[in-house]
Amino acid sequence: MTKQRQKILQVIKSTKSHPTADWIYQQVRETMPNISLGTVYRNLGILKEKGEIIELNYGSSYSRYDGNPHPHYHFKCTKCERVFDLDIPVSHQLQNEVMNREGHLVTEHRLEFYGICKDCRN
């Protein structure tokens, strides 16, 4: 693993904010001022392929990245656009139901919740 890739991974794992590539780039530049945005994107792709991070795409023009590669659910606030990890168990019953009803072999699933977060509601 290159120093750049290590730093990018460290930045992602140090936050629960599910950052964008631009935010990661700005953070990494503080200690590696010569890194390019292209290098950040390339390393994000490699980290994703290796299963170190998850790319979250909510149909917008940019992705967010999650340093927790283990299966878990997310909540996206439709007001402030923040993304939160949800501390609820992953339902494997959903996968079994799809397999039993539809006959598809489900290897994983992704489930997101949308609404207004508790901070925006206050």
PDB file of N, CA and C in Angstrom:
ATOM      1  N   MET A   1       0.849  -1.178   0.000  1.00  0.00           N
ATOM      2  CA  MET A   1       0.000   0.000   0.000  1.00  0.00           C
ATOM      3  C   MET A   1       0.896   1.243   0.000  1.00  0.00           C
ATOM      4  N   THR A   2       0.628   2.147  -0.913  1.00  0.00           N
ATOM      5  CA  THR A   2       1.429   3.367  -1.014  1.00  0.00           C
ATOM      6  C   THR A   2       1.107   4.311   0.147  1.00  0.00           C
ATOM      7  N   LYS A   3       2.015   5.264   0.377  1.00  0.00           N
ATOM      8  CA  LYS A   3       1.788   6.261   1.432  1.00  0.00           C
ATOM      9  C   LYS A   3       0.527   7.067   1.153  1.00  0.00           C
ATOM     10  N   GLN A   4       0.312   7.387  -0.126  1.00  0.00           N
ATOM     11  CA  GLN A   4      -0.881   8.154  -0.490  1.00  0.00           C
ATOM     12  C   GLN A   4      -2.148   7.367  -0.179  1.00  0.00           C
ATOM     13  N   ARG A   5      -2.161   6.095  -0.546  1.00  0.00           N
ATOM     14  CA  ARG A   5      -3.335   5.261  -0.304  1.00  0.00           C
ATOM     15  C   ARG A   5      -3.572   5.088   1.194  1.00  0.00           C
ATOM     16  N   GLN A   6      -2.500   4.920   1.956  1.00  0.00           N
ATOM     17  CA  GLN A   6      -2.622   4.808   3.411  1.00  0.00           C
ATOM     18  C   GLN A   6      -3.246   6.067   4.001  1.00  0.00           C
ATOM     19  N   LYS A   7      -2.798   7.233   3.532  1.00  0.00           N
ATOM     20  CA  LYS A   7      -3.318   8.497   4.054  1.00  0.00           C
ATOM     21  C   LYS A   7      -4.793   8.661   3.694  1.00  0.00           C
ATOM     22  N   ILE A   8      -5.151   8.332   2.462  1.00  0.00           N
ATOM     23  CA  ILE A   8      -6.546   8.432   2.022  1.00  0.00           C
ATOM     24  C   ILE A   8      -7.430   7.530   2.879  1.00  0.00           C
ATOM     25  N   LEU A   9      -6.986   6.308   3.114  1.00  0.00           N
ATOM     26  CA  LEU A   9      -7.747   5.373   3.947  1.00  0.00           C
ATOM     27  C   LEU A   9      -7.855   5.894   5.375  1.00  0.00           C
ATOM     28  N   GLN A  10      -6.770   6.438   5.901  1.00  0.00           N
ATOM     29  CA  GLN A  10      -6.772   6.993   7.257  1.00  0.00           C
ATOM     30  C   GLN A  10      -7.785   8.128   7.378  1.00  0.00           C
ATOM     31  N   VAL A  11      -7.829   8.996   6.381  1.00  0.00           N
ATOM     32  CA  VAL A  11      -8.776  10.117   6.391  1.00  0.00           C
ATOM     33  C   VAL A  11     -10.213   9.600   6.388  1.00  0.00           C
ATOM     34  N   ILE A  12     -10.502   8.634   5.543  1.00  0.00           N
ATOM     35  CA  ILE A  12     -11.866   8.095   5.457  1.00  0.00           C
ATOM     36  C   ILE A  12     -12.261   7.410   6.767  1.00  0.00           C
ATOM     37  N   LYS A  13     -11.353   6.630   7.334  1.00  0.00           N
ATOM     38  CA  LYS A  13     -11.673   5.899   8.559  1.00  0.00           C
ATOM     39  C   LYS A  13     -11.734   6.815   9.787  1.00  0.00           C
ATOM     40  N   SER A  14     -11.197   8.023   9.677  1.00  0.00           N
ATOM     41  CA  SER A  14     -11.173   8.935  10.827  1.00  0.00           C
ATOM     42  C   SER A  14     -12.462   9.743  10.973  1.00  0.00           C
ATOM     43  N   THR A  15     -13.395   9.569  10.047  1.00  0.00           N
ATOM     44  CA  THR A  15     -14.641  10.333  10.097  1.00  0.00           C
ATOM     45  C   THR A  15     -15.838   9.420   9.884  1.00  0.00           C
ATOM     46  N   LYS A  16     -16.956   9.815  10.444  1.00  0.00           N
ATOM     47  CA  LYS A  16     -18.209   9.100  10.192  1.00  0.00           C
ATOM     48  C   LYS A  16     -19.113   9.909   9.271  1.00  0.00           C
ATOM     49  N   SER A  17     -18.540  10.927   8.629  1.00  0.00           N
ATOM     50  CA  SER A  17     -19.343  11.846   7.823  1.00  0.00           C
ATOM     51  C   SER A  17     -19.598  11.361   6.395  1.00  0.00           C
ATOM     52  N   HIS A  18     -19.031  10.212   6.024  1.00  0.00           N
ATOM     53  CA  HIS A  18     -19.195   9.698   4.664  1.00  0.00           C
ATOM     54  C   HIS A  18     -18.793  10.777   3.650  1.00  0.00           C
ATOM     55  N   PRO A  19     -17.503  11.117   3.627  1.00  0.00           N
ATOM     56  CA  PRO A  19     -17.030  12.260   2.844  1.00  0.00           C
ATOM     57  C   PRO A  19     -17.055  12.035   1.329  1.00  0.00           C
ATOM     58  N   THR A  20     -17.030  13.152   0.616  1.00  0.00           N
ATOM     59  CA  THR A  20     -16.890  13.132  -0.838  1.00  0.00           C
ATOM     60  C   THR A  20     -15.404  13.061  -1.182  1.00  0.00           C
ATOM     61  N   ALA A  21     -15.108  12.761  -2.431  1.00  0.00           N
ATOM     62  CA  ALA A  21     -13.709  12.714  -2.880  1.00  0.00           C
ATOM     63  C   ALA A  21     -13.055  14.084  -2.727  1.00  0.00           C
ATOM     64  N   ASP A  22     -13.791  15.153  -2.995  1.00  0.00           N
ATOM     65  CA  ASP A  22     -13.226  16.497  -2.853  1.00  0.00           C
ATOM     66  C   ASP A  22     -12.837  16.787  -1.412  1.00  0.00           C
ATOM     67  N   TRP A  23     -13.677  16.381  -0.455  1.00  0.00           N
ATOM     68  CA  TRP A  23     -13.365  16.603   0.954  1.00  0.00           C
ATOM     69  C   TRP A  23     -12.140  15.792   1.358  1.00  0.00           C
ATOM     70  N   ILE A  24     -12.079  14.548   0.897  1.00  0.00           N
ATOM     71  CA  ILE A  24     -10.927  13.688   1.188  1.00  0.00           C
ATOM     72  C   ILE A  24      -9.663  14.326   0.613  1.00  0.00           C
ATOM     73  N   TYR A  25      -9.756  14.803  -0.605  1.00  0.00           N
ATOM     74  CA  TYR A  25      -8.632  15.460  -1.275  1.00  0.00           C
ATOM     75  C   TYR A  25      -8.126  16.646  -0.458  1.00  0.00           C
ATOM     76  N   GLN A  26      -9.035  17.486   0.020  1.00  0.00           N
ATOM     77  CA  GLN A  26      -8.637  18.650   0.815  1.00  0.00           C
ATOM     78  C   GLN A  26      -7.940  18.220   2.107  1.00  0.00           C
ATOM     79  N   GLN A  27      -8.442  17.179   2.748  1.00  0.00           N
ATOM     80  CA  GLN A  27      -7.830  16.695   3.989  1.00  0.00           C
ATOM     81  C   GLN A  27      -6.441  16.116   3.742  1.00  0.00           C
ATOM     82  N   VAL A  28      -6.296  15.326   2.700  1.00  0.00           N
ATOM     83  CA  VAL A  28      -5.007  14.698   2.389  1.00  0.00           C
ATOM     84  C   VAL A  28      -3.979  15.753   1.993  1.00  0.00           C
ATOM     85  N   ARG A  29      -4.425  16.790   1.291  1.00  0.00           N
ATOM     86  CA  ARG A  29      -3.504  17.849   0.851  1.00  0.00           C
ATOM     87  C   ARG A  29      -2.840  18.586   2.011  1.00  0.00           C
ATOM     88  N   GLU A  30      -3.457  18.539   3.190  1.00  0.00           N
ATOM     89  CA  GLU A  30      -2.862  19.212   4.345  1.00  0.00           C
ATOM     90  C   GLU A  30      -1.503  18.617   4.700  1.00  0.00           C
ATOM     91  N   THR A  31      -1.331  17.317   4.476  1.00  0.00           N
ATOM     92  CA  THR A  31      -0.045  16.680   4.778  1.00  0.00           C
ATOM     93  C   THR A  31       0.708  16.236   3.524  1.00  0.00           C
ATOM     94  N   MET A  32       0.005  16.176   2.396  1.00  0.00           N
ATOM     95  CA  MET A  32       0.615  15.796   1.121  1.00  0.00           C
ATOM     96  C   MET A  32       0.199  16.823   0.062  1.00  0.00           C
ATOM     97  N   PRO A  33       0.798  18.008   0.099  1.00  0.00           N
ATOM     98  CA  PRO A  33       0.321  19.098  -0.762  1.00  0.00           C
ATOM     99  C   PRO A  33       0.446  18.844  -2.266  1.00  0.00           C
ATOM    100  N   ASN A  34       1.259  17.892  -2.672  1.00  0.00           N
ATOM    101  CA  ASN A  34       1.448  17.640  -4.106  1.00  0.00           C
ATOM    102  C   ASN A  34       0.531  16.568  -4.671  1.00  0.00           C
ATOM    103  N   ILE A  35      -0.337  16.012  -3.851  1.00  0.00           N
ATOM    104  CA  ILE A  35      -1.242  14.973  -4.347  1.00  0.00           C
ATOM    105  C   ILE A  35      -2.281  15.597  -5.268  1.00  0.00           C
ATOM    106  N   SER A  36      -2.660  14.878  -6.301  1.00  0.00           N
ATOM    107  CA  SER A  36      -3.666  15.400  -7.244  1.00  0.00           C
ATOM    108  C   SER A  36      -5.027  14.770  -6.949  1.00  0.00           C
ATOM    109  N   LEU A  37      -6.068  15.439  -7.411  1.00  0.00           N
ATOM    110  CA  LEU A  37      -7.420  14.905  -7.254  1.00  0.00           C
ATOM    111  C   LEU A  37      -7.552  13.586  -8.007  1.00  0.00           C
ATOM    112  N   GLY A  38      -6.892  13.481  -9.157  1.00  0.00           N
ATOM    113  CA  GLY A  38      -6.912  12.235  -9.927  1.00  0.00           C
ATOM    114  C   GLY A  38      -6.316  11.068  -9.151  1.00  0.00           C
ATOM    115  N   THR A  39      -5.259  11.336  -8.400  1.00  0.00           N
ATOM    116  CA  THR A  39      -4.641  10.303  -7.573  1.00  0.00           C
ATOM    117  C   THR A  39      -5.595   9.863  -6.475  1.00  0.00           C
ATOM    118  N   VAL A  40      -6.314  10.810  -5.900  1.00  0.00           N
ATOM    119  CA  VAL A  40      -7.294  10.472  -4.869  1.00  0.00           C
ATOM    120  C   VAL A  40      -8.374   9.578  -5.463  1.00  0.00           C
ATOM    121  N   TYR A  41      -8.939   9.951  -6.610  1.00  0.00           N
ATOM    122  CA  TYR A  41      -9.980   9.138  -7.244  1.00  0.00           C
ATOM    123  C   TYR A  41      -9.464   7.738  -7.593  1.00  0.00           C
ATOM    124  N   ARG A  42      -8.263   7.663  -8.138  1.00  0.00           N
ATOM    125  CA  ARG A  42      -7.688   6.370  -8.520  1.00  0.00           C
ATOM    126  C   ARG A  42      -7.528   5.474  -7.284  1.00  0.00           C
ATOM    127  N   ASN A  43      -7.036   6.042  -6.194  1.00  0.00           N
ATOM    128  CA  ASN A  43      -6.854   5.263  -4.977  1.00  0.00           C
ATOM    129  C   ASN A  43      -8.181   4.896  -4.318  1.00  0.00           C
ATOM    130  N   LEU A  44      -9.171   5.760  -4.416  1.00  0.00           N
ATOM    131  CA  LEU A  44     -10.503   5.408  -3.918  1.00  0.00           C
ATOM    132  C   LEU A  44     -11.033   4.188  -4.659  1.00  0.00           C
ATOM    133  N   GLY A  45     -10.814   4.152  -5.959  1.00  0.00           N
ATOM    134  CA  GLY A  45     -11.238   3.001  -6.755  1.00  0.00           C
ATOM    135  C   GLY A  45     -10.542   1.719  -6.328  1.00  0.00           C
ATOM    136  N   ILE A  46      -9.250   1.813  -6.065  1.00  0.00           N
ATOM    137  CA  ILE A  46      -8.482   0.645  -5.629  1.00  0.00           C
ATOM    138  C   ILE A  46      -8.949   0.183  -4.251  1.00  0.00           C
ATOM    139  N   LEU A  47      -9.136   1.134  -3.335  1.00  0.00           N
ATOM    140  CA  LEU A  47      -9.597   0.785  -1.988  1.00  0.00           C
ATOM    141  C   LEU A  47     -10.979   0.136  -2.027  1.00  0.00           C
ATOM    142  N   LYS A  48     -11.823   0.625  -2.929  1.00  0.00           N
ATOM    143  CA  LYS A  48     -13.157   0.036  -3.098  1.00  0.00           C
ATOM    144  C   LYS A  48     -13.045  -1.395  -3.631  1.00  0.00           C
ATOM    145  N   GLU A  49     -12.215  -1.592  -4.655  1.00  0.00           N
ATOM    146  CA  GLU A  49     -12.023  -2.925  -5.236  1.00  0.00           C
ATOM    147  C   GLU A  49     -11.486  -3.920  -4.212  1.00  0.00           C
ATOM    148  N   LYS A  50     -10.620  -3.448  -3.314  1.00  0.00           N
ATOM    149  CA  LYS A  50     -10.027  -4.313  -2.297  1.00  0.00           C
ATOM    150  C   LYS A  50     -10.965  -4.547  -1.112  1.00  0.00           C
ATOM    151  N   GLY A  51     -12.116  -3.881  -1.106  1.00  0.00           N
ATOM    152  CA  GLY A  51     -13.068  -4.070  -0.026  1.00  0.00           C
ATOM    153  C   GLY A  51     -12.731  -3.311   1.242  1.00  0.00           C
ATOM    154  N   GLU A  52     -11.854  -2.325   1.138  1.00  0.00           N
ATOM    155  CA  GLU A  52     -11.454  -1.527   2.310  1.00  0.00           C
ATOM    156  C   GLU A  52     -12.476  -0.436   2.626  1.00  0.00           C
ATOM    157  N   ILE A  53     -13.173   0.036   1.599  1.00  0.00           N
ATOM    158  CA  ILE A  53     -14.168   1.096   1.756  1.00  0.00           C
ATOM    159  C   ILE A  53     -15.386   0.754   0.907  1.00  0.00           C
ATOM    160  N   ILE A  54     -16.458   1.509   1.134  1.00  0.00           N
ATOM    161  CA  ILE A  54     -17.676   1.368   0.338  1.00  0.00           C
ATOM    162  C   ILE A  54     -17.947   2.706  -0.347  1.00  0.00           C
ATOM    163  N   GLU A  55     -18.340   2.647  -1.607  1.00  0.00           N
ATOM    164  CA  GLU A  55     -18.762   3.852  -2.313  1.00  0.00           C
ATOM    165  C   GLU A  55     -20.280   3.948  -2.236  1.00  0.00           C
ATOM    166  N   LEU A  56     -20.762   5.088  -1.776  1.00  0.00           N
ATOM    167  CA  LEU A  56     -22.201   5.335  -1.683  1.00  0.00           C
ATOM    168  C   LEU A  56     -22.580   6.337  -2.753  1.00  0.00           C
ATOM    169  N   ASN A  57     -23.518   5.957  -3.608  1.00  0.00           N
ATOM    170  CA  ASN A  57     -23.972   6.855  -4.658  1.00  0.00           C
ATOM    171  C   ASN A  57     -25.480   6.979  -4.517  1.00  0.00           C
ATOM    172  N   TYR A  58     -25.933   8.179  -4.290  1.00  0.00           N
ATOM    173  CA  TYR A  58     -27.359   8.416  -4.069  1.00  0.00           C
ATOM    174  C   TYR A  58     -28.012   9.112  -5.256  1.00  0.00           C
ATOM    175  N   GLY A  59     -27.506   8.856  -6.439  1.00  0.00           N
ATOM    176  CA  GLY A  59     -28.095   9.441  -7.630  1.00  0.00           C
ATOM    177  C   GLY A  59     -27.692  10.886  -7.856  1.00  0.00           C
ATOM    178  N   SER A  60     -26.750  11.378  -7.066  1.00  0.00           N
ATOM    179  CA  SER A  60     -26.281  12.749  -7.260  1.00  0.00           C
ATOM    180  C   SER A  60     -25.061  12.717  -8.160  1.00  0.00           C
ATOM    181  N   SER A  61     -24.460  13.859  -8.370  1.00  0.00           N
ATOM    182  CA  SER A  61     -23.306  13.938  -9.258  1.00  0.00           C
ATOM    183  C   SER A  61     -22.007  13.534  -8.559  1.00  0.00           C
ATOM    184  N   TYR A  62     -22.078  13.225  -7.278  1.00  0.00           N
ATOM    185  CA  TYR A  62     -20.869  12.826  -6.550  1.00  0.00           C
ATOM    186  C   TYR A  62     -21.182  11.645  -5.636  1.00  0.00           C
ATOM    187  N   SER A  63     -20.151  10.885  -5.363  1.00  0.00           N
ATOM    188  CA  SER A  63     -20.267   9.749  -4.448  1.00  0.00           C
ATOM    189  C   SER A  63     -19.751  10.151  -3.079  1.00  0.00           C
ATOM    190  N   ARG A  64     -20.151   9.376  -2.094  1.00  0.00           N
ATOM    191  CA  ARG A  64     -19.611   9.512  -0.743  1.00  0.00           C
ATOM    192  C   ARG A  64     -18.923   8.189  -0.422  1.00  0.00           C
ATOM    193  N   TYR A  65     -17.996   8.236   0.509  1.00  0.00           N
ATOM    194  CA  TYR A  65     -17.211   7.050   0.826  1.00  0.00           C
ATOM    195  C   TYR A  65     -17.340   6.707   2.299  1.00  0.00           C
ATOM    196  N   ASP A  66     -17.398   5.419   2.569  1.00  0.00           N
ATOM    197  CA  ASP A  66     -17.607   4.914   3.920  1.00  0.00           C
ATOM    198  C   ASP A  66     -16.423   4.024   4.293  1.00  0.00           C
ATOM    199  N   GLY A  67     -15.791   4.351   5.413  1.00  0.00           N
ATOM    200  CA  GLY A  67     -14.647   3.573   5.874  1.00  0.00           C
ATOM    201  C   GLY A  67     -15.027   2.293   6.584  1.00  0.00           C
ATOM    202  N   ASN A  68     -16.315   2.034   6.739  1.00  0.00           N
ATOM    203  CA  ASN A  68     -16.778   0.792   7.357  1.00  0.00           C
ATOM    204  C   ASN A  68     -17.289  -0.122   6.240  1.00  0.00           C
ATOM    205  N   PRO A  69     -16.473  -1.093   5.828  1.00  0.00           N
ATOM    206  CA  PRO A  69     -16.882  -1.945   4.708  1.00  0.00           C
ATOM    207  C   PRO A  69     -17.831  -3.077   5.093  1.00  0.00           C
ATOM    208  N   HIS A  70     -18.136  -3.214   6.369  1.00  0.00           N
ATOM    209  CA  HIS A  70     -19.023  -4.289   6.809  1.00  0.00           C
ATOM    210  C   HIS A  70     -20.478  -3.925   6.530  1.00  0.00           C
ATOM    211  N   PRO A  71     -21.323  -4.914   6.252  1.00  0.00           N
ATOM    212  CA  PRO A  71     -22.723  -4.620   5.937  1.00  0.00           C
ATOM    213  C   PRO A  71     -23.412  -3.835   7.054  1.00  0.00           C
ATOM    214  N   HIS A  72     -24.017  -2.729   6.669  1.00  0.00           N
ATOM    215  CA  HIS A  72     -24.794  -1.903   7.596  1.00  0.00           C
ATOM    216  C   HIS A  72     -25.683  -0.976   6.781  1.00  0.00           C
ATOM    217  N   TYR A  73     -26.668  -0.412   7.433  1.00  0.00           N
ATOM    218  CA  TYR A  73     -27.633   0.453   6.763  1.00  0.00           C
ATOM    219  C   TYR A  73     -27.279   1.925   6.981  1.00  0.00           C
ATOM    220  N   HIS A  74     -27.850   2.755   6.104  1.00  0.00           N
ATOM    221  CA  HIS A  74     -27.614   4.188   6.167  1.00  0.00           C
ATOM    222  C   HIS A  74     -28.930   4.958   6.184  1.00  0.00           C
ATOM    223  N   PHE A  75     -28.858   6.169   6.733  1.00  0.00           N
ATOM    224  CA  PHE A  75     -29.952   7.133   6.695  1.00  0.00           C
ATOM    225  C   PHE A  75     -29.407   8.384   6.042  1.00  0.00           C
ATOM    226  N   LYS A  76     -30.090   8.869   5.001  1.00  0.00           N
ATOM    227  CA  LYS A  76     -29.679  10.109   4.330  1.00  0.00           C
ATOM    228  C   LYS A  76     -30.715  11.179   4.604  1.00  0.00           C
ATOM    229  N   CYS A  77     -30.255  12.295   5.157  1.00  0.00           N
ATOM    230  CA  CYS A  77     -31.141  13.422   5.434  1.00  0.00           C
ATOM    231  C   CYS A  77     -31.410  14.167   4.130  1.00  0.00           C
ATOM    232  N   THR A  78     -32.666  14.346   3.818  1.00  0.00           N
ATOM    233  CA  THR A  78     -33.038  15.025   2.575  1.00  0.00           C
ATOM    234  C   THR A  78     -32.944  16.541   2.703  1.00  0.00           C
ATOM    235  N   LYS A  79     -32.688  17.018   3.911  1.00  0.00           N
ATOM    236  CA  LYS A  79     -32.553  18.458   4.123  1.00  0.00           C
ATOM    237  C   LYS A  79     -31.088  18.897   4.100  1.00  0.00           C
ATOM    238  N   CYS A  80     -30.256  18.297   4.949  1.00  0.00           N
ATOM    239  CA  CYS A  80     -28.842  18.699   5.022  1.00  0.00           C
ATOM    240  C   CYS A  80     -27.930  17.785   4.194  1.00  0.00           C
ATOM    241  N   GLU A  81     -28.461  16.686   3.702  1.00  0.00           N
ATOM    242  CA  GLU A  81     -27.762  15.710   2.862  1.00  0.00           C
ATOM    243  C   GLU A  81     -26.683  14.913   3.574  1.00  0.00           C
ATOM    244  N   ARG A  82     -26.636  14.989   4.903  1.00  0.00           N
ATOM    245  CA  ARG A  82     -25.683  14.152   5.629  1.00  0.00           C
ATOM    246  C   ARG A  82     -26.135  12.699   5.560  1.00  0.00           C
ATOM    247  N   VAL A  83     -25.162  11.800   5.701  1.00  0.00           N
ATOM    248  CA  VAL A  83     -25.419  10.370   5.683  1.00  0.00           C
ATOM    249  C   VAL A  83     -24.964   9.811   7.028  1.00  0.00           C
ATOM    250  N   PHE A  84     -25.819   9.012   7.651  1.00  0.00           N
ATOM    251  CA  PHE A  84     -25.549   8.446   8.957  1.00  0.00           C
ATOM    252  C   PHE A  84     -25.525   6.929   8.873  1.00  0.00           C
ATOM    253  N   ASP A  85     -24.612   6.294   9.616  1.00  0.00           N
ATOM    254  CA  ASP A  85     -24.663   4.846   9.803  1.00  0.00           C
ATOM    255  C   ASP A  85     -25.776   4.561  10.793  1.00  0.00           C
ATOM    256  N   LEU A  86     -26.524   3.506  10.550  1.00  0.00           N
ATOM    257  CA  LEU A  86     -27.585   3.099  11.474  1.00  0.00           C
ATOM    258  C   LEU A  86     -27.108   1.891  12.274  1.00  0.00           C
ATOM    259  N   ASP A  87     -27.278   1.969  13.566  1.00  0.00           N
ATOM    260  CA  ASP A  87     -26.863   0.890  14.455  1.00  0.00           C
ATOM    261  C   ASP A  87     -28.030  -0.077  14.676  1.00  0.00           C
ATOM    262  N   ILE A  88     -28.430  -0.718  13.581  1.00  0.00           N
ATOM    263  CA  ILE A  88     -29.469  -1.741  13.641  1.00  0.00           C
ATOM    264  C   ILE A  88     -28.942  -2.970  12.902  1.00  0.00           C
ATOM    265  N   PRO A  89     -29.355  -4.147  13.307  1.00  0.00           N
ATOM    266  CA  PRO A  89     -28.838  -5.358  12.648  1.00  0.00           C
ATOM    267  C   PRO A  89     -29.292  -5.454  11.187  1.00  0.00           C
ATOM    268  N   VAL A  90     -28.390  -5.972  10.363  1.00  0.00           N
ATOM    269  CA  VAL A  90     -28.716  -6.226   8.959  1.00  0.00           C
ATOM    270  C   VAL A  90     -29.665  -7.416   8.905  1.00  0.00           C
ATOM    271  N   SER A  91     -30.745  -7.281   8.144  1.00  0.00           N
ATOM    272  CA  SER A  91     -31.756  -8.330   8.054  1.00  0.00           C
ATOM    273  C   SER A  91     -31.429  -9.296   6.916  1.00  0.00           C
ATOM    274  N   HIS A  92     -30.923 -10.447   7.294  1.00  0.00           N
ATOM    275  CA  HIS A  92     -30.655 -11.477   6.281  1.00  0.00           C
ATOM    276  C   HIS A  92     -31.950 -12.142   5.840  1.00  0.00           C
ATOM    277  N   GLN A  93     -33.002 -11.939   6.612  1.00  0.00           N
ATOM    278  CA  GLN A  93     -34.307 -12.470   6.245  1.00  0.00           C
ATOM    279  C   GLN A  93     -34.776 -11.873   4.916  1.00  0.00           C
ATOM    280  N   LEU A  94     -34.427 -10.603   4.659  1.00  0.00           N
ATOM    281  CA  LEU A  94     -34.793  -9.982   3.379  1.00  0.00           C
ATOM    282  C   LEU A  94     -34.176 -10.740   2.210  1.00  0.00           C
ATOM    283  N   GLN A  95     -32.913 -11.101   2.350  1.00  0.00           N
ATOM    284  CA  GLN A  95     -32.247 -11.856   1.294  1.00  0.00           C
ATOM    285  C   GLN A  95     -32.925 -13.202   1.083  1.00  0.00           C
ATOM    286  N   ASN A  96     -33.241 -13.889   2.184  1.00  0.00           N
ATOM    287  CA  ASN A  96     -33.910 -15.187   2.084  1.00  0.00           C
ATOM    288  C   ASN A  96     -35.276 -15.048   1.427  1.00  0.00           C
ATOM    289  N   GLU A  97     -35.990 -13.979   1.757  1.00  0.00           N
ATOM    290  CA  GLU A  97     -37.319 -13.773   1.179  1.00  0.00           C
ATOM    291  C   GLU A  97     -37.241 -13.577  -0.333  1.00  0.00           C
ATOM    292  N   VAL A  98     -36.257 -12.793  -0.790  1.00  0.00           N
ATOM    293  CA  VAL A  98     -36.082 -12.592  -2.232  1.00  0.00           C
ATOM    294  C   VAL A  98     -35.736 -13.920  -2.901  1.00  0.00           C
ATOM    295  N   MET A  99     -34.852 -14.686  -2.284  1.00  0.00           N
ATOM    296  CA  MET A  99     -34.476 -15.978  -2.870  1.00  0.00           C
ATOM    297  C   MET A  99     -35.662 -16.929  -2.923  1.00  0.00           C
ATOM    298  N   ASN A 100     -36.423 -16.987  -1.831  1.00  0.00           N
ATOM    299  CA  ASN A 100     -37.557 -17.913  -1.779  1.00  0.00           C
ATOM    300  C   ASN A 100     -38.691 -17.504  -2.704  1.00  0.00           C
ATOM    301  N   ARG A 101     -38.995 -16.220  -2.790  1.00  0.00           N
ATOM    302  CA  ARG A 101     -40.116 -15.761  -3.619  1.00  0.00           C
ATOM    303  C   ARG A 101     -39.774 -15.631  -5.090  1.00  0.00           C
ATOM    304  N   GLU A 102     -38.555 -15.171  -5.369  1.00  0.00           N
ATOM    305  CA  GLU A 102     -38.200 -14.847  -6.752  1.00  0.00           C
ATOM    306  C   GLU A 102     -37.216 -15.825  -7.387  1.00  0.00           C
ATOM    307  N   GLY A 103     -36.521 -16.599  -6.542  1.00  0.00           N
ATOM    308  CA  GLY A 103     -35.580 -17.574  -7.075  1.00  0.00           C
ATOM    309  C   GLY A 103     -34.205 -17.009  -7.405  1.00  0.00           C
ATOM    310  N   HIS A 104     -33.958 -15.759  -7.090  1.00  0.00           N
ATOM    311  CA  HIS A 104     -32.648 -15.150  -7.352  1.00  0.00           C
ATOM    312  C   HIS A 104     -31.675 -15.532  -6.243  1.00  0.00           C
ATOM    313  N   LEU A 105     -30.414 -15.694  -6.583  1.00  0.00           N
ATOM    314  CA  LEU A 105     -29.381 -15.941  -5.589  1.00  0.00           C
ATOM    315  C   LEU A 105     -28.870 -14.579  -5.112  1.00  0.00           C
ATOM    316  N   VAL A 106     -29.215 -14.215  -3.898  1.00  0.00           N
ATOM    317  CA  VAL A 106     -28.820 -12.926  -3.337  1.00  0.00           C
ATOM    318  C   VAL A 106     -27.527 -13.113  -2.559  1.00  0.00           C
ATOM    319  N   THR A 107     -26.514 -12.345  -2.908  1.00  0.00           N
ATOM    320  CA  THR A 107     -25.234 -12.442  -2.202  1.00  0.00           C
ATOM    321  C   THR A 107     -25.047 -11.306  -1.202  1.00  0.00           C
ATOM    322  N   GLU A 108     -25.754 -10.215  -1.401  1.00  0.00           N
ATOM    323  CA  GLU A 108     -25.719  -9.085  -0.476  1.00  0.00           C
ATOM    324  C   GLU A 108     -26.863  -8.152  -0.828  1.00  0.00           C
ATOM    325  N   HIS A 109     -27.140  -7.219   0.070  1.00  0.00           N
ATOM    326  CA  HIS A 109     -28.147  -6.202  -0.247  1.00  0.00           C
ATOM    327  C   HIS A 109     -27.761  -4.895   0.413  1.00  0.00           C
ATOM    328  N   ARG A 110     -28.322  -3.820  -0.115  1.00  0.00           N
ATOM    329  CA  ARG A 110     -28.077  -2.481   0.407  1.00  0.00           C
ATOM    330  C   ARG A 110     -29.429  -1.832   0.650  1.00  0.00           C
ATOM    331  N   LEU A 111     -29.579  -1.240   1.807  1.00  0.00           N
ATOM    332  CA  LEU A 111     -30.843  -0.613   2.165  1.00  0.00           C
ATOM    333  C   LEU A 111     -30.555   0.748   2.771  1.00  0.00           C
ATOM    334  N   GLU A 112     -31.215   1.772   2.250  1.00  0.00           N
ATOM    335  CA  GLU A 112     -31.039   3.123   2.762  1.00  0.00           C
ATOM    336  C   GLU A 112     -32.384   3.693   3.165  1.00  0.00           C
ATOM    337  N   PHE A 113     -32.341   4.500   4.195  1.00  0.00           N
ATOM    338  CA  PHE A 113     -33.524   5.192   4.671  1.00  0.00           C
ATOM    339  C   PHE A 113     -33.343   6.674   4.375  1.00  0.00           C
ATOM    340  N   TYR A 114     -34.427   7.349   4.024  1.00  0.00           N
ATOM    341  CA  TYR A 114     -34.400   8.778   3.700  1.00  0.00           C
ATOM    342  C   TYR A 114     -35.413   9.519   4.563  1.00  0.00           C
ATOM    343  N   GLY A 115     -35.077  10.723   4.915  1.00  0.00           N
ATOM    344  CA  GLY A 115     -35.976  11.544   5.712  1.00  0.00           C
ATOM    345  C   GLY A 115     -35.234  12.745   6.246  1.00  0.00           C
ATOM    346  N   ILE A 116     -35.720  13.300   7.347  1.00  0.00           N
ATOM    347  CA  ILE A 116     -35.103  14.479   7.961  1.00  0.00           C
ATOM    348  C   ILE A 116     -34.441  14.048   9.259  1.00  0.00           C
ATOM    349  N   CYS A 117     -33.151  14.322   9.385  1.00  0.00           N
ATOM    350  CA  CYS A 117     -32.397  13.887  10.555  1.00  0.00           C
ATOM    351  C   CYS A 117     -32.842  14.655  11.809  1.00  0.00           C
ATOM    352  N   LYS A 118     -32.461  14.134  12.970  1.00  0.00           N
ATOM    353  CA  LYS A 118     -32.897  14.740  14.229  1.00  0.00           C
ATOM    354  C   LYS A 118     -32.347  16.151  14.407  1.00  0.00           C
ATOM    355  N   ASP A 119     -31.147  16.449  13.858  1.00  0.00           N
ATOM    356  CA  ASP A 119     -30.608  17.804  13.962  1.00  0.00           C
ATOM    357  C   ASP A 119     -31.447  18.795  13.153  1.00  0.00           C
ATOM    358  N   CYS A 120     -31.839  18.419  11.955  1.00  0.00           N
ATOM    359  CA  CYS A 120     -32.647  19.310  11.107  1.00  0.00           C
ATOM    360  C   CYS A 120     -34.073  19.450  11.636  1.00  0.00           C
ATOM    361  N   ARG A 121     -34.550  18.443  12.343  1.00  0.00           N
ATOM    362  CA  ARG A 121     -35.916  18.516  12.900  1.00  0.00           C
ATOM    363  C   ARG A 121     -36.015  19.506  14.058  1.00  0.00           C
ATOM    364  N   ASN A 122     -34.891  19.756  14.723  1.00  0.00           N
ATOM    365  CA  ASN A 122     -34.884  20.696  15.874  1.00  0.00           C
ATOM    366  C   ASN A 122     -34.822  22.144  15.431  1.00  0.00           C
TER     367      ASN A 122
END
